[in-house]
Protein backbone atom coordinates (compact mmCIF):
# COMPACT_ATOMS: atom_id res chain seq x y z
CA MET A 1 -64.56 -20.78 -4.09
CA ARG A 2 -61.62 -22.98 -5.48
CA PHE A 3 -58.34 -21.88 -6.38
CA ILE A 4 -58.79 -23.04 -9.98
CA SER A 5 -61.46 -20.22 -10.66
CA LEU A 6 -59.05 -17.71 -8.62
CA GLN A 7 -56.35 -18.18 -10.98
CA SER A 8 -57.99 -17.26 -14.28
CA LYS A 9 -58.94 -13.52 -13.10
CA ASP A 10 -57.35 -10.54 -13.70
CA VAL A 11 -56.36 -8.09 -10.74
CA VAL A 12 -57.33 -4.63 -10.90
CA ASP A 13 -56.03 -1.41 -8.89
CA GLY A 14 -59.31 -0.01 -7.28
CA THR A 15 -58.07 3.67 -7.09
CA THR A 16 -56.73 3.61 -10.50
CA GLY A 17 -58.73 1.54 -12.37
CA ALA A 18 -55.38 -0.14 -14.07
CA LYS A 19 -54.91 -4.01 -14.62
CA ILE A 20 -52.10 -4.86 -12.49
CA GLY A 21 -51.82 -8.98 -13.74
CA TYR A 22 -53.56 -11.96 -13.02
CA VAL A 23 -53.45 -14.44 -9.96
CA SER A 24 -50.69 -16.61 -10.17
CA ASP A 25 -50.72 -18.57 -6.87
CA LEU A 26 -51.70 -17.88 -3.24
CA GLU A 27 -49.89 -17.57 0.23
CA ILE A 28 -51.65 -19.90 2.85
CA ASP A 29 -50.89 -20.00 6.44
CA PRO A 30 -49.69 -23.32 7.55
CA ILE A 31 -50.88 -23.44 11.13
CA CYS A 32 -54.70 -21.69 10.62
CA HIS A 33 -54.86 -22.76 7.22
CA CYS A 34 -56.23 -19.60 5.88
CA ILE A 35 -55.12 -17.40 3.00
CA GLN A 36 -52.76 -14.59 3.60
CA ALA A 37 -52.09 -13.13 0.06
CA ILE A 38 -52.48 -13.81 -3.40
CA ILE A 39 -49.46 -13.57 -5.42
CA VAL A 40 -50.13 -11.67 -8.79
CA GLU A 41 -48.01 -12.02 -11.90
CA ARG A 42 -47.78 -8.48 -13.61
CA PHE A 43 -48.65 -7.75 -16.94
CA THR A 44 -45.21 -6.50 -19.01
CA PRO A 45 -45.11 -5.33 -22.65
CA LEU A 46 -41.69 -7.11 -22.80
CA LYS A 47 -42.41 -10.51 -21.29
CA PHE A 48 -39.90 -12.24 -23.14
CA ILE A 49 -37.29 -10.22 -21.15
CA CYS A 50 -38.12 -12.14 -18.05
CA ILE A 51 -37.49 -15.57 -19.36
CA PHE A 52 -34.17 -15.55 -17.22
CA LYS A 53 -35.01 -13.60 -14.21
CA GLY A 54 -38.95 -15.45 -14.03
CA PRO A 55 -41.87 -13.40 -14.18
CA PRO A 56 -42.56 -10.33 -11.98
CA ILE A 57 -44.83 -10.72 -9.18
CA LEU A 58 -46.79 -8.68 -6.74
CA ILE A 59 -48.05 -9.97 -3.09
CA VAL A 60 -51.39 -8.49 -2.31
CA PRO A 61 -52.45 -9.28 1.53
CA ILE A 62 -55.62 -10.54 1.90
CA GLU A 63 -56.60 -7.39 3.49
CA ASN A 64 -55.80 -5.05 0.76
CA ILE A 65 -58.62 -6.86 -1.43
CA ILE A 66 -61.75 -4.70 -2.11
CA THR A 67 -63.73 -7.30 -3.74
CA ILE A 68 -63.81 -10.44 -5.86
CA GLY A 69 -66.30 -10.14 -8.76
CA GLU A 70 -67.19 -12.86 -11.38
CA ASP A 71 -64.31 -12.11 -14.12
CA VAL A 72 -61.91 -9.47 -11.68
CA ILE A 73 -60.27 -8.80 -8.38
CA ILE A 74 -60.30 -5.23 -7.27
CA VAL A 75 -57.68 -4.21 -4.72
CA ASN A 76 -56.28 -1.50 -2.80
CA LEU A 77 -52.61 -0.98 -3.27
CA PRO A 78 -51.45 2.47 -1.72
CA CYS A 79 -47.64 2.01 -2.58
CA LEU A 80 -47.48 0.64 -5.90
C-alpha cells in the first residue's frame, strides 16, 4: 500500500465509532525502515482558530490500528 492511498483515509475510533480525523503523515523508524505510527490530524469545528498554532494532531502507534479498510482506518484508543 502506498502512502498516498493512506493519506486520504478517515480515522475512526473502534470503541465509540466517532470520527477522529484523517491521516496526515507517518512516523517511520530509520533503522528498520518500518512504520511506527500514523499521525492523525484531528477534526475541529473551529479550524480557523488553529491557523497560528498549527493543526491539532494525534499520534497513533501501529499496535493500536485494528484494521485498514477501503475508506477508513479503525483504531483502538483507550485513553483518548
